[in-house]
Amino acid sequence: MQKKINKNIVIQILFTIAVVFLIANLLIGRFNTENKIISPKEYDSKITKAVTDSLFLSALKNFNINDSWIHRTKANKKSDLYIYKIDIPYDLPNIFIIKEVYQKFSSTKLNIVSIENKDDESSLLKIMNADELYLSALLNYDKGITHLAGSINLIVILPSKIDEDLKNQFFDLNKDIIYLFSPSSNNIKLADEINNIKSGYGLIIDDNIDELNFEIRNNFSKNRLEEGINSILKAFPNIKLVYFPEEFIPSSKIKNEFKKNKLRTIDNTSPINLTNNYKTDFNKIFGSYILNCNPKDTLSIVLSTDNFIKVIPDLKMYSKLGYRFVTF
């Protein structure tokens, strides 16, 4: 009898606990539901569809998208909504355009929706103001067009002593650039560092080389020249080119010895030389050469360190426009 009573008490206790838990869950669910805040999509009254259209087109222009690649129609005759179909060069990833559009609208309250089609790799962009469609654009790859506007070979003369901050500034650019310096034991490490990044190096050959084993002189015999060049090639096996500055006029014997080793040689007259100090806006001078180069050619420009620092902020812009930085 006692066991039966105890069993009933246990059942009642368990039932009571279950009811308590059930009520607690209901209360928690109720309060959670009441406390849920659904953020409404905020409408940006400052941005019109015309402004949206202008910002979108400016994003395309930053990537040098040709007018003939942009196809624009209105949703209907009375509508101010534009529907775009953009022909994208096969060598320009859609994601670059999409990121640029996001950046253009980052200061607004408009929302950008990107839908990717895995079959043809096209992208559909929808620019929304709250729940209203402000612009629609289909980014579609076209294998018949290219983003390449020109190839630029930048050759930068490094100072005899380069500090770590300047070196890091140059090496963090992630660009195909050739850096020039004099052959020396100290610069072997510098050559290795350049070789480990997306760049190349060349050597300055003149009368200012201090170390005997790297010396190259016009009055050297053929054997002595060969010894010097062999020492240079052994210490700097990944050399891209040899540069003869204005103050050094190499003999045909020196040029022939380098060419025999299949080394490209340039002097201050063969590429565009921008090593002087310019009182005018140097960035405009530099830009005029870049923007007028032939897409089928490679434009070589030699820059002093000071002038190169001036144009570093512009390099990203030129890359967006389709100018590729290359090395020999």
C-alpha atoms as a PDB file:
ATOM      1  CA  MET A   1       0.000   0.000   0.000  1.00  0.00           C
ATOM      2  CA  GLN A   2       2.816   2.370   0.914  1.00  0.00           C
ATOM      3  CA  LYS A   3       4.587   1.612  -2.392  1.00  0.00           C
ATOM      4  CA  LYS A   4       1.420   2.431  -4.341  1.00  0.00           C
ATOM      5  CA  ILE A   5       1.078   5.776  -2.525  1.00  0.00           C
ATOM      6  CA  ASN A   6       4.736   6.647  -3.207  1.00  0.00           C
ATOM      7  CA  LYS A   7       4.249   5.762  -6.868  1.00  0.00           C
ATOM      8  CA  ASN A   8       1.240   8.072  -7.131  1.00  0.00           C
ATOM      9  CA  ILE A   9       3.172  10.895  -5.455  1.00  0.00           C
ATOM     10  CA  VAL A  10       6.052  10.494  -7.944  1.00  0.00           C
ATOM     11  CA  ILE A  11       3.638  10.581 -10.888  1.00  0.00           C
ATOM     12  CA  GLN A  12       1.977  13.725  -9.529  1.00  0.00           C
ATOM     13  CA  ILE A  13       5.353  15.431  -9.037  1.00  0.00           C
ATOM     14  CA  LEU A  14       6.478  14.568 -12.579  1.00  0.00           C
ATOM     15  CA  PHE A  15       3.165  15.787 -14.005  1.00  0.00           C
ATOM     16  CA  THR A  16       3.491  19.068 -12.091  1.00  0.00           C
ATOM     17  CA  ILE A  17       7.051  19.587 -13.372  1.00  0.00           C
ATOM     18  CA  ALA A  18       5.906  18.906 -16.953  1.00  0.00           C
ATOM     19  CA  VAL A  19       3.090  21.463 -16.629  1.00  0.00           C
ATOM     20  CA  VAL A  20       5.510  24.051 -15.212  1.00  0.00           C
ATOM     21  CA  PHE A  21       7.918  23.524 -18.131  1.00  0.00           C
ATOM     22  CA  LEU A  22       5.052  23.765 -20.631  1.00  0.00           C
ATOM     23  CA  ILE A  23       3.820  27.054 -19.168  1.00  0.00           C
ATOM     24  CA  ALA A  24       7.373  28.408 -19.059  1.00  0.00           C
ATOM     25  CA  ASN A  25       7.922  27.552 -22.724  1.00  0.00           C
ATOM     26  CA  LEU A  26       4.655  29.189 -23.711  1.00  0.00           C
ATOM     27  CA  LEU A  27       5.576  32.340 -21.821  1.00  0.00           C
ATOM     28  CA  ILE A  28       9.066  32.445 -23.291  1.00  0.00           C
ATOM     29  CA  GLY A  29       7.667  31.948 -26.777  1.00  0.00           C
ATOM     30  CA  ARG A  30       5.116  34.670 -26.212  1.00  0.00           C
ATOM     31  CA  PHE A  31       7.622  37.218 -25.007  1.00  0.00           C
ATOM     32  CA  ASN A  32      10.119  36.326 -27.715  1.00  0.00           C
ATOM     33  CA  THR A  33       7.430  36.889 -30.328  1.00  0.00           C
ATOM     34  CA  GLU A  34       6.491  40.225 -28.842  1.00  0.00           C
ATOM     35  CA  ASN A  35      10.121  41.357 -28.649  1.00  0.00           C
ATOM     36  CA  LYS A  36      10.966  40.503 -32.275  1.00  0.00           C
ATOM     37  CA  ILE A  37      11.662  43.697 -34.208  1.00  0.00           C
ATOM     38  CA  ILE A  38      11.383  43.413 -37.969  1.00  0.00           C
ATOM     39  CA  SER A  39      13.459  46.241 -39.409  1.00  0.00           C
ATOM     40  CA  PRO A  40      11.572  47.881 -42.260  1.00  0.00           C
ATOM     41  CA  LYS A  41      13.526  48.553 -45.461  1.00  0.00           C
ATOM     42  CA  GLU A  42      14.421  52.195 -45.225  1.00  0.00           C
ATOM     43  CA  TYR A  43      13.480  54.425 -48.148  1.00  0.00           C
ATOM     44  CA  ASP A  44      16.107  56.924 -49.300  1.00  0.00           C
ATOM     45  CA  SER A  45      14.211  60.038 -50.363  1.00  0.00           C
ATOM     46  CA  LYS A  46      17.418  61.808 -51.427  1.00  0.00           C
ATOM     47  CA  ILE A  47      18.178  59.363 -54.240  1.00  0.00           C
ATOM     48  CA  THR A  48      16.140  59.538 -57.438  1.00  0.00           C
ATOM     49  CA  LYS A  49      16.187  57.030 -60.266  1.00  0.00           C
ATOM     50  CA  ALA A  50      18.122  59.554 -62.349  1.00  0.00           C
ATOM     51  CA  VAL A  51      20.818  59.753 -59.660  1.00  0.00           C
ATOM     52  CA  THR A  52      20.852  55.949 -59.428  1.00  0.00           C
ATOM     53  CA  ASP A  53      21.329  55.760 -63.177  1.00  0.00           C
ATOM     54  CA  SER A  54      24.200  58.270 -63.063  1.00  0.00           C
ATOM     55  CA  LEU A  55      26.016  56.454 -60.225  1.00  0.00           C
ATOM     56  CA  PHE A  56      25.670  53.123 -62.005  1.00  0.00           C
ATOM     57  CA  LEU A  57      27.089  54.503 -65.265  1.00  0.00           C
ATOM     58  CA  SER A  58      30.011  56.109 -63.414  1.00  0.00           C
ATOM     59  CA  ALA A  59      30.885  52.676 -61.977  1.00  0.00           C
ATOM     60  CA  LEU A  60      30.998  51.285 -65.522  1.00  0.00           C
ATOM     61  CA  LYS A  61      33.143  54.173 -66.759  1.00  0.00           C
ATOM     62  CA  ASN A  62      35.690  53.498 -64.023  1.00  0.00           C
ATOM     63  CA  PHE A  63      36.335  50.204 -65.817  1.00  0.00           C
ATOM     64  CA  ASN A  64      36.452  51.789 -69.266  1.00  0.00           C
ATOM     65  CA  ILE A  65      33.246  50.063 -70.391  1.00  0.00           C
ATOM     66  CA  ASN A  66      32.666  51.254 -73.955  1.00  0.00           C
ATOM     67  CA  ASP A  67      29.390  53.038 -74.751  1.00  0.00           C
ATOM     68  CA  SER A  68      28.673  50.485 -77.472  1.00  0.00           C
ATOM     69  CA  TRP A  69      28.725  47.727 -74.817  1.00  0.00           C
ATOM     70  CA  ILE A  70      25.950  49.430 -72.823  1.00  0.00           C
ATOM     71  CA  HIS A  71      22.384  48.705 -73.949  1.00  0.00           C
ATOM     72  CA  ARG A  72      19.703  50.688 -72.137  1.00  0.00           C
ATOM     73  CA  THR A  73      15.934  50.581 -72.458  1.00  0.00           C
ATOM     74  CA  LYS A  74      13.040  51.926 -70.400  1.00  0.00           C
ATOM     75  CA  ALA A  75      10.662  49.546 -68.679  1.00  0.00           C
ATOM     76  CA  ASN A  76       7.905  51.325 -70.640  1.00  0.00           C
ATOM     77  CA  LYS A  77       7.464  54.637 -72.432  1.00  0.00           C
ATOM     78  CA  LYS A  78       6.233  56.539 -69.380  1.00  0.00           C
ATOM     79  CA  SER A  79       8.562  54.870 -66.898  1.00  0.00           C
ATOM     80  CA  ASP A  80      11.700  56.380 -65.415  1.00  0.00           C
ATOM     81  CA  LEU A  81      13.046  52.885 -64.684  1.00  0.00           C
ATOM     82  CA  TYR A  82      15.983  51.804 -66.853  1.00  0.00           C
ATOM     83  CA  ILE A  83      16.745  48.203 -67.767  1.00  0.00           C
ATOM     84  CA  TYR A  84      20.371  47.551 -68.763  1.00  0.00           C
ATOM     85  CA  LYS A  85      22.158  44.810 -70.625  1.00  0.00           C
ATOM     86  CA  ILE A  86      25.931  45.249 -70.368  1.00  0.00           C
ATOM     87  CA  ASP A  87      28.415  43.403 -72.565  1.00  0.00           C
ATOM     88  CA  ILE A  88      31.331  42.565 -70.273  1.00  0.00           C
ATOM     89  CA  PRO A  89      34.776  41.740 -71.739  1.00  0.00           C
ATOM     90  CA  TYR A  90      35.720  38.101 -71.255  1.00  0.00           C
ATOM     91  CA  ASP A  91      38.894  39.137 -69.393  1.00  0.00           C
ATOM     92  CA  LEU A  92      37.097  41.344 -66.840  1.00  0.00           C
ATOM     93  CA  PRO A  93      35.458  39.378 -63.985  1.00  0.00           C
ATOM     94  CA  ASN A  94      31.895  40.501 -63.223  1.00  0.00           C
ATOM     95  CA  ILE A  95      32.733  40.647 -59.528  1.00  0.00           C
ATOM     96  CA  PHE A  96      34.957  43.704 -60.133  1.00  0.00           C
ATOM     97  CA  ILE A  97      32.031  45.618 -61.631  1.00  0.00           C
ATOM     98  CA  ILE A  98      29.694  44.484 -58.856  1.00  0.00           C
ATOM     99  CA  LYS A  99      32.131  45.617 -56.146  1.00  0.00           C
ATOM    100  CA  GLU A 100      32.477  48.997 -57.864  1.00  0.00           C
ATOM    101  CA  VAL A 101      28.694  49.413 -57.964  1.00  0.00           C
ATOM    102  CA  TYR A 102      28.476  48.529 -54.263  1.00  0.00           C
ATOM    103  CA  GLN A 103      31.121  51.141 -53.505  1.00  0.00           C
ATOM    104  CA  LYS A 104      29.306  53.816 -55.521  1.00  0.00           C
ATOM    105  CA  PHE A 105      26.123  53.271 -53.504  1.00  0.00           C
ATOM    106  CA  SER A 106      27.778  52.746 -50.119  1.00  0.00           C
ATOM    107  CA  SER A 107      26.786  56.221 -48.906  1.00  0.00           C
ATOM    108  CA  THR A 108      23.117  55.683 -49.809  1.00  0.00           C
ATOM    109  CA  LYS A 109      20.380  53.568 -48.237  1.00  0.00           C
ATOM    110  CA  LEU A 110      19.733  51.685 -51.461  1.00  0.00           C
ATOM    111  CA  ASN A 111      20.084  47.904 -51.495  1.00  0.00           C
ATOM    112  CA  ILE A 112      21.885  45.981 -54.220  1.00  0.00           C
ATOM    113  CA  VAL A 113      20.935  42.415 -55.020  1.00  0.00           C
ATOM    114  CA  SER A 114      23.240  40.295 -57.174  1.00  0.00           C
ATOM    115  CA  ILE A 115      22.021  37.037 -58.716  1.00  0.00           C
ATOM    116  CA  GLU A 116      24.608  34.829 -60.419  1.00  0.00           C
ATOM    117  CA  ASN A 117      23.812  32.444 -63.272  1.00  0.00           C
ATOM    118  CA  LYS A 118      26.185  29.484 -63.076  1.00  0.00           C
ATOM    119  CA  ASP A 119      25.391  28.301 -66.604  1.00  0.00           C
ATOM    120  CA  ASP A 120      26.620  31.335 -68.541  1.00  0.00           C
ATOM    121  CA  GLU A 121      28.329  33.122 -65.592  1.00  0.00           C
ATOM    122  CA  SER A 122      26.182  36.204 -66.154  1.00  0.00           C
ATOM    123  CA  SER A 123      25.092  38.392 -63.236  1.00  0.00           C
ATOM    124  CA  LEU A 124      21.789  40.164 -62.666  1.00  0.00           C
ATOM    125  CA  LEU A 125      21.995  43.328 -60.573  1.00  0.00           C
ATOM    126  CA  LYS A 126      18.937  44.865 -58.958  1.00  0.00           C
ATOM    127  CA  ILE A 127      19.203  48.213 -57.204  1.00  0.00           C
ATOM    128  CA  MET A 128      16.321  48.685 -54.777  1.00  0.00           C
ATOM    129  CA  ASN A 129      15.071  51.665 -52.794  1.00  0.00           C
ATOM    130  CA  ALA A 130      13.144  49.936 -50.018  1.00  0.00           C
ATOM    131  CA  ASP A 131      10.806  47.652 -52.016  1.00  0.00           C
ATOM    132  CA  GLU A 132      10.920  49.693 -55.217  1.00  0.00           C
ATOM    133  CA  LEU A 133      13.132  48.643 -58.127  1.00  0.00           C
ATOM    134  CA  TYR A 134      15.303  51.591 -59.180  1.00  0.00           C
ATOM    135  CA  LEU A 135      17.544  49.904 -61.757  1.00  0.00           C
ATOM    136  CA  SER A 136      18.096  46.469 -63.242  1.00  0.00           C
ATOM    137  CA  ALA A 137      21.225  45.376 -65.129  1.00  0.00           C
ATOM    138  CA  LEU A 138      22.290  42.108 -66.723  1.00  0.00           C
ATOM    139  CA  LEU A 139      26.087  41.712 -66.901  1.00  0.00           C
ATOM    140  CA  ASN A 140      26.739  39.284 -69.725  1.00  0.00           C
ATOM    141  CA  TYR A 141      30.177  38.104 -70.902  1.00  0.00           C
ATOM    142  CA  ASP A 142      31.103  38.721 -74.534  1.00  0.00           C
ATOM    143  CA  LYS A 143      34.094  36.764 -75.859  1.00  0.00           C
ATOM    144  CA  GLY A 144      34.366  39.152 -78.781  1.00  0.00           C
ATOM    145  CA  ILE A 145      35.568  42.120 -76.721  1.00  0.00           C
ATOM    146  CA  THR A 146      38.556  42.668 -74.445  1.00  0.00           C
ATOM    147  CA  HIS A 147      39.219  44.900 -71.468  1.00  0.00           C
ATOM    148  CA  LEU A 148      42.877  45.342 -72.433  1.00  0.00           C
ATOM    149  CA  ALA A 149      43.563  49.015 -73.198  1.00  0.00           C
ATOM    150  CA  GLY A 150      47.360  48.752 -73.221  1.00  0.00           C
ATOM    151  CA  SER A 151      50.389  47.083 -71.654  1.00  0.00           C
ATOM    152  CA  ILE A 152      52.713  49.158 -69.478  1.00  0.00           C
ATOM    153  CA  ASN A 153      56.211  48.133 -68.467  1.00  0.00           C
ATOM    154  CA  LEU A 154      57.209  50.316 -65.510  1.00  0.00           C
ATOM    155  CA  ILE A 155      60.933  50.391 -64.737  1.00  0.00           C
ATOM    156  CA  VAL A 156      61.812  52.077 -61.440  1.00  0.00           C
ATOM    157  CA  ILE A 157      65.333  53.152 -60.470  1.00  0.00           C
ATOM    158  CA  LEU A 158      65.808  52.426 -56.777  1.00  0.00           C
ATOM    159  CA  PRO A 159      68.054  54.613 -54.607  1.00  0.00           C
ATOM    160  CA  SER A 160      71.461  53.249 -53.598  1.00  0.00           C
ATOM    161  CA  LYS A 161      70.119  52.863 -50.062  1.00  0.00           C
ATOM    162  CA  ILE A 162      66.470  51.903 -49.706  1.00  0.00           C
ATOM    163  CA  ASP A 163      64.872  51.854 -46.257  1.00  0.00           C
ATOM    164  CA  GLU A 164      62.411  49.172 -45.161  1.00  0.00           C
ATOM    165  CA  ASP A 165      59.360  51.477 -45.192  1.00  0.00           C
ATOM    166  CA  LEU A 166      59.927  52.500 -48.804  1.00  0.00           C
ATOM    167  CA  LYS A 167      60.686  48.935 -49.811  1.00  0.00           C
ATOM    168  CA  ASN A 168      57.483  47.677 -48.196  1.00  0.00           C
ATOM    169  CA  GLN A 169      55.499  50.440 -49.886  1.00  0.00           C
ATOM    170  CA  PHE A 170      56.772  49.282 -53.276  1.00  0.00           C
ATOM    171  CA  PHE A 171      56.529  45.556 -52.643  1.00  0.00           C
ATOM    172  CA  ASP A 172      52.953  45.739 -51.318  1.00  0.00           C
ATOM    173  CA  LEU A 173      51.692  47.067 -54.660  1.00  0.00           C
ATOM    174  CA  ASN A 174      51.299  43.575 -56.134  1.00  0.00           C
ATOM    175  CA  LYS A 175      52.118  44.877 -59.614  1.00  0.00           C
ATOM    176  CA  ASP A 176      54.376  43.613 -62.379  1.00  0.00           C
ATOM    177  CA  ILE A 177      57.121  46.225 -62.073  1.00  0.00           C
ATOM    178  CA  ILE A 178      60.855  46.073 -62.769  1.00  0.00           C
ATOM    179  CA  TYR A 179      63.111  47.582 -60.098  1.00  0.00           C
ATOM    180  CA  LEU A 180      66.624  48.690 -61.035  1.00  0.00           C
ATOM    181  CA  PHE A 181      69.652  48.722 -58.741  1.00  0.00           C
ATOM    182  CA  SER A 182      73.433  48.356 -58.950  1.00  0.00           C
ATOM    183  CA  PRO A 183      75.006  44.899 -58.665  1.00  0.00           C
ATOM    184  CA  SER A 184      76.532  44.408 -55.216  1.00  0.00           C
ATOM    185  CA  SER A 185      76.753  41.739 -52.539  1.00  0.00           C
ATOM    186  CA  ASN A 186      74.304  43.705 -50.391  1.00  0.00           C
ATOM    187  CA  ASN A 187      71.726  43.773 -53.182  1.00  0.00           C
ATOM    188  CA  ILE A 188      71.647  39.997 -53.664  1.00  0.00           C
ATOM    189  CA  LYS A 189      69.127  39.816 -50.811  1.00  0.00           C
ATOM    190  CA  LEU A 190      67.129  42.643 -52.408  1.00  0.00           C
ATOM    191  CA  ALA A 191      67.013  40.679 -55.674  1.00  0.00           C
ATOM    192  CA  ASP A 192      65.689  37.620 -53.844  1.00  0.00           C
ATOM    193  CA  GLU A 193      62.995  39.712 -52.139  1.00  0.00           C
ATOM    194  CA  ILE A 194      61.866  41.170 -55.465  1.00  0.00           C
ATOM    195  CA  ASN A 195      61.889  37.714 -57.014  1.00  0.00           C
ATOM    196  CA  ASN A 196      59.496  36.517 -54.284  1.00  0.00           C
ATOM    197  CA  ILE A 197      56.849  39.099 -55.169  1.00  0.00           C
ATOM    198  CA  LYS A 198      54.955  39.820 -58.369  1.00  0.00           C
ATOM    199  CA  SER A 199      57.798  41.910 -59.827  1.00  0.00           C
ATOM    200  CA  GLY A 200      61.166  41.655 -61.544  1.00  0.00           C
ATOM    201  CA  TYR A 201      64.552  43.329 -61.293  1.00  0.00           C
ATOM    202  CA  GLY A 202      67.211  44.738 -63.567  1.00  0.00           C
ATOM    203  CA  LEU A 203      70.757  45.962 -63.010  1.00  0.00           C
ATOM    204  CA  ILE A 204      72.239  49.407 -63.522  1.00  0.00           C
ATOM    205  CA  ILE A 205      75.563  49.121 -65.325  1.00  0.00           C
ATOM    206  CA  ASP A 206      77.804  52.186 -65.133  1.00  0.00           C
ATOM    207  CA  ASP A 207      81.135  53.365 -63.713  1.00  0.00           C
ATOM    208  CA  ASN A 208      79.763  53.508 -60.149  1.00  0.00           C
ATOM    209  CA  ILE A 209      79.915  49.773 -59.432  1.00  0.00           C
ATOM    210  CA  ASP A 210      82.182  49.406 -56.393  1.00  0.00           C
ATOM    211  CA  GLU A 211      82.850  45.670 -56.158  1.00  0.00           C
ATOM    212  CA  LEU A 212      85.611  44.424 -58.453  1.00  0.00           C
ATOM    213  CA  ASN A 213      83.963  41.152 -59.447  1.00  0.00           C
ATOM    214  CA  PHE A 214      80.893  43.036 -60.746  1.00  0.00           C
ATOM    215  CA  GLU A 215      82.775  45.843 -62.515  1.00  0.00           C
ATOM    216  CA  ILE A 216      82.067  46.511 -66.188  1.00  0.00           C
ATOM    217  CA  ARG A 217      84.303  49.044 -67.956  1.00  0.00           C
ATOM    218  CA  ASN A 218      84.639  50.197 -71.554  1.00  0.00           C
ATOM    219  CA  ASN A 219      88.409  49.622 -71.447  1.00  0.00           C
ATOM    220  CA  PHE A 220      88.132  46.015 -70.214  1.00  0.00           C
ATOM    221  CA  SER A 221      89.370  43.190 -72.394  1.00  0.00           C
ATOM    222  CA  LYS A 222      86.923  40.648 -73.745  1.00  0.00           C
ATOM    223  CA  ASN A 223      88.012  38.086 -71.131  1.00  0.00           C
ATOM    224  CA  ARG A 224      87.663  40.577 -68.287  1.00  0.00           C
ATOM    225  CA  LEU A 225      84.194  41.581 -69.480  1.00  0.00           C
ATOM    226  CA  GLU A 226      83.148  37.939 -69.613  1.00  0.00           C
ATOM    227  CA  GLU A 227      84.369  37.433 -66.045  1.00  0.00           C
ATOM    228  CA  GLY A 228      82.375  40.433 -64.821  1.00  0.00           C
ATOM    229  CA  ILE A 229      79.207  39.402 -66.638  1.00  0.00           C
ATOM    230  CA  ASN A 230      79.524  35.796 -65.452  1.00  0.00           C
ATOM    231  CA  SER A 231      79.852  37.034 -61.857  1.00  0.00           C
ATOM    232  CA  ILE A 232      76.743  39.172 -62.315  1.00  0.00           C
ATOM    233  CA  LEU A 233      74.721  36.312 -63.802  1.00  0.00           C
ATOM    234  CA  LYS A 234      75.769  33.943 -61.045  1.00  0.00           C
ATOM    235  CA  ALA A 235      74.784  36.387 -58.288  1.00  0.00           C
ATOM    236  CA  PHE A 236      71.633  37.636 -60.059  1.00  0.00           C
ATOM    237  CA  PRO A 237      70.274  34.698 -62.094  1.00  0.00           C
ATOM    238  CA  ASN A 238      66.760  36.131 -62.574  1.00  0.00           C
ATOM    239  CA  ILE A 239      67.806  39.458 -64.066  1.00  0.00           C
ATOM    240  CA  LYS A 240      65.220  40.860 -66.512  1.00  0.00           C
ATOM    241  CA  LEU A 241      67.274  43.585 -68.149  1.00  0.00           C
ATOM    242  CA  VAL A 242      70.418  45.712 -68.071  1.00  0.00           C
ATOM    243  CA  TYR A 243      70.055  49.481 -67.877  1.00  0.00           C
ATOM    244  CA  PHE A 244      72.721  51.953 -69.008  1.00  0.00           C
ATOM    245  CA  PRO A 245      72.053  55.406 -67.478  1.00  0.00           C
ATOM    246  CA  GLU A 246      72.628  58.679 -69.307  1.00  0.00           C
ATOM    247  CA  GLU A 247      76.106  59.269 -67.871  1.00  0.00           C
ATOM    248  CA  PHE A 248      77.418  55.916 -69.094  1.00  0.00           C
ATOM    249  CA  ILE A 249      77.808  55.206 -72.819  1.00  0.00           C
ATOM    250  CA  PRO A 250      78.617  51.500 -73.204  1.00  0.00           C
ATOM    251  CA  SER A 251      80.896  50.281 -75.962  1.00  0.00           C
ATOM    252  CA  SER A 252      79.538  47.927 -78.603  1.00  0.00           C
ATOM    253  CA  LYS A 253      81.744  45.276 -76.991  1.00  0.00           C
ATOM    254  CA  ILE A 254      79.833  45.565 -73.693  1.00  0.00           C
ATOM    255  CA  LYS A 255      76.447  45.517 -75.422  1.00  0.00           C
ATOM    256  CA  ASN A 256      77.397  42.469 -77.472  1.00  0.00           C
ATOM    257  CA  GLU A 257      78.565  40.550 -74.407  1.00  0.00           C
ATOM    258  CA  PHE A 258      75.234  41.123 -72.658  1.00  0.00           C
ATOM    259  CA  LYS A 259      73.262  40.254 -75.790  1.00  0.00           C
ATOM    260  CA  LYS A 260      75.305  37.087 -76.194  1.00  0.00           C
ATOM    261  CA  ASN A 261      73.924  36.053 -72.819  1.00  0.00           C
ATOM    262  CA  LYS A 262      70.395  36.830 -74.063  1.00  0.00           C
ATOM    263  CA  LEU A 263      69.996  39.836 -71.774  1.00  0.00           C
ATOM    264  CA  ARG A 264      67.808  42.749 -72.810  1.00  0.00           C
ATOM    265  CA  THR A 265      69.632  46.093 -72.680  1.00  0.00           C
ATOM    266  CA  ILE A 266      68.115  49.576 -72.562  1.00  0.00           C
ATOM    267  CA  ASP A 267      69.534  53.053 -72.150  1.00  0.00           C
ATOM    268  CA  ASN A 268      68.060  56.437 -71.313  1.00  0.00           C
ATOM    269  CA  THR A 269      66.865  56.969 -74.898  1.00  0.00           C
ATOM    270  CA  SER A 270      65.120  53.716 -75.819  1.00  0.00           C
ATOM    271  CA  PRO A 271      62.166  53.761 -73.381  1.00  0.00           C
ATOM    272  CA  ILE A 272      60.304  56.866 -72.256  1.00  0.00           C
ATOM    273  CA  ASN A 273      62.530  58.440 -69.631  1.00  0.00           C
ATOM    274  CA  LEU A 274      60.741  60.170 -66.766  1.00  0.00           C
ATOM    275  CA  THR A 275      63.573  60.403 -64.264  1.00  0.00           C
ATOM    276  CA  ASN A 276      63.928  64.192 -64.207  1.00  0.00           C
ATOM    277  CA  ASN A 277      62.313  66.608 -61.777  1.00  0.00           C
ATOM    278  CA  TYR A 278      59.172  68.180 -63.230  1.00  0.00           C
ATOM    279  CA  LYS A 279      57.826  71.536 -62.083  1.00  0.00           C
ATOM    280  CA  THR A 280      54.451  70.853 -63.716  1.00  0.00           C
ATOM    281  CA  ASP A 281      51.919  68.231 -62.617  1.00  0.00           C
ATOM    282  CA  PHE A 282      53.895  65.032 -63.155  1.00  0.00           C
ATOM    283  CA  ASN A 283      50.807  62.823 -62.839  1.00  0.00           C
ATOM    284  CA  LYS A 284      49.309  64.485 -65.925  1.00  0.00           C
ATOM    285  CA  ILE A 285      52.530  63.925 -67.879  1.00  0.00           C
ATOM    286  CA  PHE A 286      52.608  60.286 -66.837  1.00  0.00           C
ATOM    287  CA  GLY A 287      48.902  59.868 -67.596  1.00  0.00           C
ATOM    288  CA  SER A 288      49.213  61.351 -71.086  1.00  0.00           C
ATOM    289  CA  TYR A 289      51.679  58.611 -72.044  1.00  0.00           C
ATOM    290  CA  ILE A 290      49.516  55.860 -70.528  1.00  0.00           C
ATOM    291  CA  LEU A 291      46.194  56.942 -72.034  1.00  0.00           C
ATOM    292  CA  ASN A 292      47.649  57.369 -75.531  1.00  0.00           C
ATOM    293  CA  CYS A 293      49.449  54.054 -75.791  1.00  0.00           C
ATOM    294  CA  ASN A 294      48.439  51.520 -78.430  1.00  0.00           C
ATOM    295  CA  PRO A 295      46.558  48.503 -77.011  1.00  0.00           C
ATOM    296  CA  LYS A 296      48.645  46.195 -79.201  1.00  0.00           C
ATOM    297  CA  ASP A 297      51.993  47.592 -78.021  1.00  0.00           C
ATOM    298  CA  THR A 298      53.917  47.512 -74.747  1.00  0.00           C
ATOM    299  CA  LEU A 299      54.876  50.943 -73.456  1.00  0.00           C
ATOM    300  CA  SER A 300      58.121  51.036 -71.429  1.00  0.00           C
ATOM    301  CA  ILE A 301      58.665  53.911 -68.986  1.00  0.00           C
ATOM    302  CA  VAL A 302      61.712  54.475 -66.771  1.00  0.00           C
ATOM    303  CA  LEU A 303      60.924  56.344 -63.546  1.00  0.00           C
ATOM    304  CA  SER A 304      62.972  57.741 -60.709  1.00  0.00           C
ATOM    305  CA  THR A 305      61.906  56.664 -57.224  1.00  0.00           C
ATOM    306  CA  ASP A 306      60.499  60.133 -56.445  1.00  0.00           C
ATOM    307  CA  ASN A 307      58.394  60.235 -59.608  1.00  0.00           C
ATOM    308  CA  PHE A 308      57.193  56.674 -59.083  1.00  0.00           C
ATOM    309  CA  ILE A 309      55.947  57.559 -55.588  1.00  0.00           C
ATOM    310  CA  LYS A 310      53.870  60.364 -57.135  1.00  0.00           C
ATOM    311  CA  VAL A 311      51.995  58.028 -59.474  1.00  0.00           C
ATOM    312  CA  ILE A 312      51.466  55.098 -57.071  1.00  0.00           C
ATOM    313  CA  PRO A 313      47.957  56.355 -56.103  1.00  0.00           C
ATOM    314  CA  ASP A 314      46.994  56.346 -59.813  1.00  0.00           C
ATOM    315  CA  LEU A 315      48.111  52.788 -60.616  1.00  0.00           C
ATOM    316  CA  LYS A 316      44.883  51.196 -59.367  1.00  0.00           C
ATOM    317  CA  MET A 317      42.858  53.580 -61.532  1.00  0.00           C
ATOM    318  CA  TYR A 318      44.842  52.635 -64.652  1.00  0.00           C
ATOM    319  CA  SER A 319      44.415  48.939 -63.859  1.00  0.00           C
ATOM    320  CA  LYS A 320      40.643  49.439 -63.652  1.00  0.00           C
ATOM    321  CA  LEU A 321      40.686  51.169 -67.027  1.00  0.00           C
ATOM    322  CA  GLY A 322      42.263  48.087 -68.593  1.00  0.00           C
ATOM    323  CA  TYR A 323      45.962  48.947 -68.597  1.00  0.00           C
ATOM    324  CA  ARG A 324      48.051  45.941 -67.581  1.00  0.00           C
ATOM    325  CA  PHE A 325      51.403  46.257 -65.873  1.00  0.00           C
ATOM    326  CA  VAL A 326      53.805  43.726 -67.332  1.00  0.00           C
ATOM    327  CA  THR A 327      57.487  42.829 -67.229  1.00  0.00           C
ATOM    328  CA  PHE A 328      59.689  41.631 -70.072  1.00  0.00           C
END
